Amino acid sequence: MTLHQIKTMLYARKIKPVNIADKAGVSHTTVRIVLNGYGTSRKIQQTIADMLNRPYEKLWSMSRHRGILSKKRQAVND
């Protein structure tokens, strides 16, 4: 899925970055970094997958993101 599709699913379920941050034990800023494609975090991505009741692999398949994300990606602290 694309980040836009993931964000749309979160919006439809009224899940905000602060909700994800609370569940993952990180700051909402770190969640936004991941949701905007500037970084990756398995912990945050897994939390989002759990909150959306989707398998991690289907939601965050990196092969589907290639060519879509042009932003510099970096791993954030897990």
C-alpha atoms as a PDB file:
ATOM      1  CA  MET A   1       0.000   0.000   0.000  1.00  0.00           C
ATOM      2  CA  THR A   2       1.086   3.573  -0.473  1.00  0.00           C
ATOM      3  CA  LEU A   3       1.527   5.951   2.443  1.00  0.00           C
ATOM      4  CA  HIS A   4      -1.437   7.937   1.149  1.00  0.00           C
ATOM      5  CA  GLN A   5      -3.637   4.839   1.321  1.00  0.00           C
ATOM      6  CA  ILE A   6      -2.427   4.047   4.839  1.00  0.00           C
ATOM      7  CA  LYS A   7      -3.090   7.615   6.002  1.00  0.00           C
ATOM      8  CA  THR A   8      -6.553   7.489   4.414  1.00  0.00           C
ATOM      9  CA  MET A   9      -7.342   4.294   6.322  1.00  0.00           C
ATOM     10  CA  LEU A  10      -6.152   5.883   9.571  1.00  0.00           C
ATOM     11  CA  TYR A  11      -8.263   8.985   8.915  1.00  0.00           C
ATOM     12  CA  ALA A  12     -11.352   6.900   8.119  1.00  0.00           C
ATOM     13  CA  ARG A  13     -10.964   5.099  11.454  1.00  0.00           C
ATOM     14  CA  LYS A  14     -10.289   8.401  13.276  1.00  0.00           C
ATOM     15  CA  ILE A  15      -6.851   7.193  14.367  1.00  0.00           C
ATOM     16  CA  LYS A  16      -4.537  10.155  14.936  1.00  0.00           C
ATOM     17  CA  PRO A  17      -0.735  10.168  15.186  1.00  0.00           C
ATOM     18  CA  VAL A  18      -1.030  10.875  18.918  1.00  0.00           C
ATOM     19  CA  ASN A  19      -3.079   7.659  19.347  1.00  0.00           C
ATOM     20  CA  ILE A  20      -0.417   5.677  17.511  1.00  0.00           C
ATOM     21  CA  ALA A  21       2.327   7.379  19.534  1.00  0.00           C
ATOM     22  CA  ASP A  22       0.657   6.544  22.852  1.00  0.00           C
ATOM     23  CA  LYS A  23       0.277   2.882  21.909  1.00  0.00           C
ATOM     24  CA  ALA A  24       3.840   2.605  20.535  1.00  0.00           C
ATOM     25  CA  GLY A  25       5.421   4.592  23.377  1.00  0.00           C
ATOM     26  CA  VAL A  26       7.000   7.194  21.103  1.00  0.00           C
ATOM     27  CA  SER A  27       6.381  10.863  20.315  1.00  0.00           C
ATOM     28  CA  HIS A  28       3.729  11.903  17.821  1.00  0.00           C
ATOM     29  CA  THR A  29       6.479  13.675  15.885  1.00  0.00           C
ATOM     30  CA  THR A  30       8.237  10.352  15.332  1.00  0.00           C
ATOM     31  CA  VAL A  31       4.969   8.845  14.085  1.00  0.00           C
ATOM     32  CA  ARG A  32       4.572  11.739  11.631  1.00  0.00           C
ATOM     33  CA  ILE A  33       8.117  11.167  10.353  1.00  0.00           C
ATOM     34  CA  VAL A  34       7.154   7.594   9.470  1.00  0.00           C
ATOM     35  CA  LEU A  35       3.728   8.512   8.032  1.00  0.00           C
ATOM     36  CA  ASN A  36       5.254  11.212   5.830  1.00  0.00           C
ATOM     37  CA  GLY A  37       7.931   8.887   4.454  1.00  0.00           C
ATOM     38  CA  TYR A  38      10.966  10.564   6.015  1.00  0.00           C
ATOM     39  CA  GLY A  39      11.856   7.559   8.147  1.00  0.00           C
ATOM     40  CA  THR A  40      10.977   3.995   9.045  1.00  0.00           C
ATOM     41  CA  SER A  41      10.359   2.267  12.345  1.00  0.00           C
ATOM     42  CA  ARG A  42       9.299  -1.353  12.633  1.00  0.00           C
ATOM     43  CA  LYS A  43       7.766  -0.601  16.037  1.00  0.00           C
ATOM     44  CA  ILE A  44       5.575   2.234  14.717  1.00  0.00           C
ATOM     45  CA  GLN A  45       4.724   0.411  11.501  1.00  0.00           C
ATOM     46  CA  GLN A  46       3.711  -2.703  13.475  1.00  0.00           C
ATOM     47  CA  THR A  47       1.567  -0.576  15.808  1.00  0.00           C
ATOM     48  CA  ILE A  48      -0.197   0.994  12.816  1.00  0.00           C
ATOM     49  CA  ALA A  49      -0.757  -2.443  11.255  1.00  0.00           C
ATOM     50  CA  ASP A  50      -2.220  -3.719  14.535  1.00  0.00           C
ATOM     51  CA  MET A  51      -4.497  -0.685  14.897  1.00  0.00           C
ATOM     52  CA  LEU A  52      -5.761  -1.187  11.325  1.00  0.00           C
ATOM     53  CA  ASN A  53      -6.092  -4.974  11.803  1.00  0.00           C
ATOM     54  CA  ARG A  54      -3.883  -5.590   8.757  1.00  0.00           C
ATOM     55  CA  PRO A  55      -0.848  -7.859   8.368  1.00  0.00           C
ATOM     56  CA  TYR A  56       2.411  -5.922   8.625  1.00  0.00           C
ATOM     57  CA  GLU A  57       3.782  -7.409   5.399  1.00  0.00           C
ATOM     58  CA  LYS A  58       0.779  -6.344   3.309  1.00  0.00           C
ATOM     59  CA  LEU A  59       0.616  -2.858   4.792  1.00  0.00           C
ATOM     60  CA  TRP A  60       4.317  -2.016   4.662  1.00  0.00           C
ATOM     61  CA  SER A  61       5.595  -3.938   1.658  1.00  0.00           C
ATOM     62  CA  MET A  62       8.637  -1.830   0.750  1.00  0.00           C
ATOM     63  CA  SER A  63       8.656  -3.111  -2.829  1.00  0.00           C
ATOM     64  CA  ARG A  64       5.352  -1.324  -3.306  1.00  0.00           C
ATOM     65  CA  HIS A  65       6.826   1.927  -1.993  1.00  0.00           C
ATOM     66  CA  ARG A  66       9.763   2.026  -4.384  1.00  0.00           C
ATOM     67  CA  GLY A  67       9.379   4.881  -6.802  1.00  0.00           C
ATOM     68  CA  ILE A  68       6.565   6.409  -4.773  1.00  0.00           C
ATOM     69  CA  LEU A  69       8.684   7.870  -2.003  1.00  0.00           C
ATOM     70  CA  SER A  70      11.262  10.334  -3.194  1.00  0.00           C
ATOM     71  CA  LYS A  71      12.016  11.698   0.263  1.00  0.00           C
ATOM     72  CA  LYS A  72      15.230  10.807   2.014  1.00  0.00           C
ATOM     73  CA  ARG A  73      14.432   7.843   4.236  1.00  0.00           C
ATOM     74  CA  GLN A  74      16.080   7.066   7.497  1.00  0.00           C
ATOM     75  CA  ALA A  75      15.424   4.665  10.313  1.00  0.00           C
ATOM     76  CA  VAL A  76      14.160   6.266  13.486  1.00  0.00           C
ATOM     77  CA  ASN A  77      14.891   4.869  16.922  1.00  0.00           C
ATOM     78  CA  ASP A  78      12.827   1.784  17.705  1.00  0.00           C
END
